[in-house]
Protein backbone atom coordinates (compact mmCIF):
# COMPACT_ATOMS: atom_id res chain seq x y z
CA MET A 1 21.39 -7.90 -62.69
CA LEU A 2 20.70 -8.11 -66.39
CA GLY A 3 17.46 -6.19 -66.48
CA ASP A 4 15.34 -8.48 -64.28
CA SER A 5 13.76 -6.08 -61.79
CA TRP A 6 13.83 -8.78 -59.10
CA SER A 7 17.59 -9.15 -59.30
CA VAL A 8 18.74 -5.56 -59.76
CA LYS A 9 21.60 -4.84 -57.36
CA LYS A 10 21.64 -1.58 -55.44
CA ILE A 11 24.72 0.54 -54.74
CA LEU A 12 24.87 3.43 -52.30
CA VAL A 13 27.55 5.99 -53.22
CA ALA A 14 28.74 8.25 -50.41
CA CYS A 15 30.96 11.31 -50.18
CA GLY A 16 31.40 14.05 -47.62
CA SER A 17 28.54 16.28 -48.76
CA GLY A 18 26.49 13.84 -50.85
CA ILE A 19 26.52 16.28 -53.76
CA ALA A 20 29.48 16.94 -56.04
CA THR A 21 31.93 14.09 -55.62
CA SER A 22 29.28 11.39 -55.33
CA THR A 23 27.58 12.69 -58.49
CA VAL A 24 30.78 12.15 -60.47
CA VAL A 25 31.19 8.66 -58.98
CA VAL A 26 27.55 7.72 -59.71
CA GLN A 27 27.88 8.74 -63.36
CA LYS A 28 31.20 6.99 -63.96
CA LEU A 29 30.27 3.86 -62.00
CA GLY A 30 26.96 3.49 -63.83
CA GLU A 31 28.65 3.98 -67.19
CA LEU A 32 31.36 1.40 -66.49
CA LEU A 33 28.94 -1.20 -65.12
CA ARG A 34 26.54 -0.76 -68.07
CA ALA A 35 29.51 -1.28 -70.41
CA ARG A 36 29.90 -4.70 -68.75
CA GLY A 37 26.20 -5.47 -69.21
CA LEU A 38 25.33 -4.88 -65.56
CA PHE A 39 22.34 -2.76 -64.71
CA VAL A 40 22.24 -1.49 -61.15
CA ARG A 41 20.33 1.06 -59.13
CA ILE A 42 22.68 3.67 -57.73
CA GLU A 43 21.83 6.33 -55.17
CA GLN A 44 24.03 8.88 -53.47
CA CYS A 45 24.21 10.29 -49.97
CA LYS A 46 26.44 11.96 -47.41
CA ALA A 47 28.94 9.66 -45.69
CA SER A 48 27.19 10.44 -42.39
CA GLU A 49 23.90 9.07 -43.81
CA VAL A 50 25.17 5.61 -44.79
CA GLU A 51 24.11 3.91 -41.56
CA SER A 52 20.52 5.19 -41.84
CA LYS A 53 20.22 4.49 -45.59
CA ILE A 54 22.07 1.17 -46.04
CA SER A 55 18.99 -1.04 -45.65
CA GLY A 56 18.03 -2.37 -49.08
CA PHE A 57 21.45 -1.76 -50.63
CA ASP A 58 23.97 -4.44 -51.55
CA LEU A 59 27.16 -2.39 -51.51
CA VAL A 60 28.60 0.99 -50.51
CA VAL A 61 31.09 2.86 -52.69
CA SER A 62 32.61 5.78 -50.83
CA THR A 63 35.26 8.42 -51.35
CA THR A 64 35.65 8.93 -47.60
CA GLU A 65 35.28 7.14 -44.29
CA VAL A 66 31.70 6.05 -43.59
CA GLY A 67 29.84 4.88 -40.51
CA ASP A 68 28.34 1.46 -39.88
CA SER A 69 27.39 -0.29 -43.12
CA LYS A 70 25.60 -3.03 -41.15
CA GLY A 71 27.77 -5.76 -42.66
CA LYS A 72 27.37 -4.61 -46.26
CA PRO A 73 30.66 -4.44 -48.20
CA ILE A 74 32.32 -1.06 -48.62
CA VAL A 75 34.63 -0.08 -51.47
CA ARG A 76 36.46 3.08 -50.41
CA THR A 77 38.16 4.64 -53.41
CA VAL A 78 38.90 7.83 -55.29
CA SER A 79 39.67 5.98 -58.53
CA PHE A 80 36.44 7.21 -60.14
CA LEU A 81 37.76 10.74 -59.69
CA THR A 82 41.42 10.17 -60.60
CA GLY A 83 41.15 7.26 -63.04
CA ILE A 84 44.02 5.55 -61.22
CA GLY A 85 43.08 1.98 -60.26
CA ILE A 86 39.58 2.24 -61.69
CA ASP A 87 39.70 -1.11 -63.53
CA LYS A 88 40.71 -2.91 -60.34
CA ASP A 89 37.89 -1.23 -58.40
CA ILE A 90 35.29 -2.08 -61.06
CA GLU A 91 36.37 -5.73 -60.99
CA ARG A 92 36.13 -5.73 -57.20
CA ILE A 93 32.65 -4.19 -57.33
CA VAL A 94 31.48 -6.71 -59.95
CA LYS A 95 32.74 -9.59 -57.77
CA LEU A 96 31.05 -8.19 -54.67
CA LEU A 97 27.75 -7.76 -56.52
CA SER A 98 28.00 -11.30 -57.88
CA ALA A 99 28.66 -12.85 -54.44
């Protein structure tokens, strides 16, 4: 996670359209994880695409209900949009990536 390309964790960020909301989440999530010294690969998609794209990702962060994540953890939150509860969500994400 600290720059070693073999250990970089991958996060899939999903929202309804895969465009506006997920872009905001990707930017804020990346910024907050980098501030903690964590370097991750983050991609975005529509919530309906999670099941087909989850392979190769370690975690899903979503602002809406998503389909089958094939056993990968899902953090469903709007805290990256509202700012409310964001610290708690970041800690949860860090723990899930470290597991």
